[in-house]
């Protein structure tokens, strides 16, 4: 049945029903149609949101795989700052709001990319407004995360690494 046929059938049926229904029955039918329409719209919105979330998860997974591939590729020479920046991006993409140097060091050690002093690099990145540090005091354990500027820097670095032949290159963000 075509859409035109469905609409014509609906119009005829509605006209027949309205002749047989009382005003109260018509109001109740109107409420029924309104609620059914709202439910249908909510269902479509939910499905669209779920689809977007699924695609978003795929994009995040692809970004993490891309960064891990760069970290794994020994032909790509990264400075300590670049390594920490990319590791911070991985942690952010994995959903960690704030991370610490231990987690960054563990990740980078997996790829033999651990810099000599991650804490110093994080402090330098904070001065450049690429990292935000959270601390409870002078000698307290610090946690940190990339700022939006830091995320943009990491994305820019990944873009350059993906489009250039980066063998035997050492780009310094320091």
Foldseek 3Di string as FASTA:
>chain_A
DDPVVVVVVVVVVVVVVVVVDDPVVVVVVVVVVVVVVVVVVVVVVVVVVVVVVVVVLVVLVVLLVLLVVLLQDPQFAEDQLLLLLSLLLNCVSVPDPWAAVVSSQVVSVVSPNHDPDSPVSQVVCVVVQQKDWDAPDDPGGIIIHGDPVSNVVNVVVSVCPVVDPRGPHYDDPD
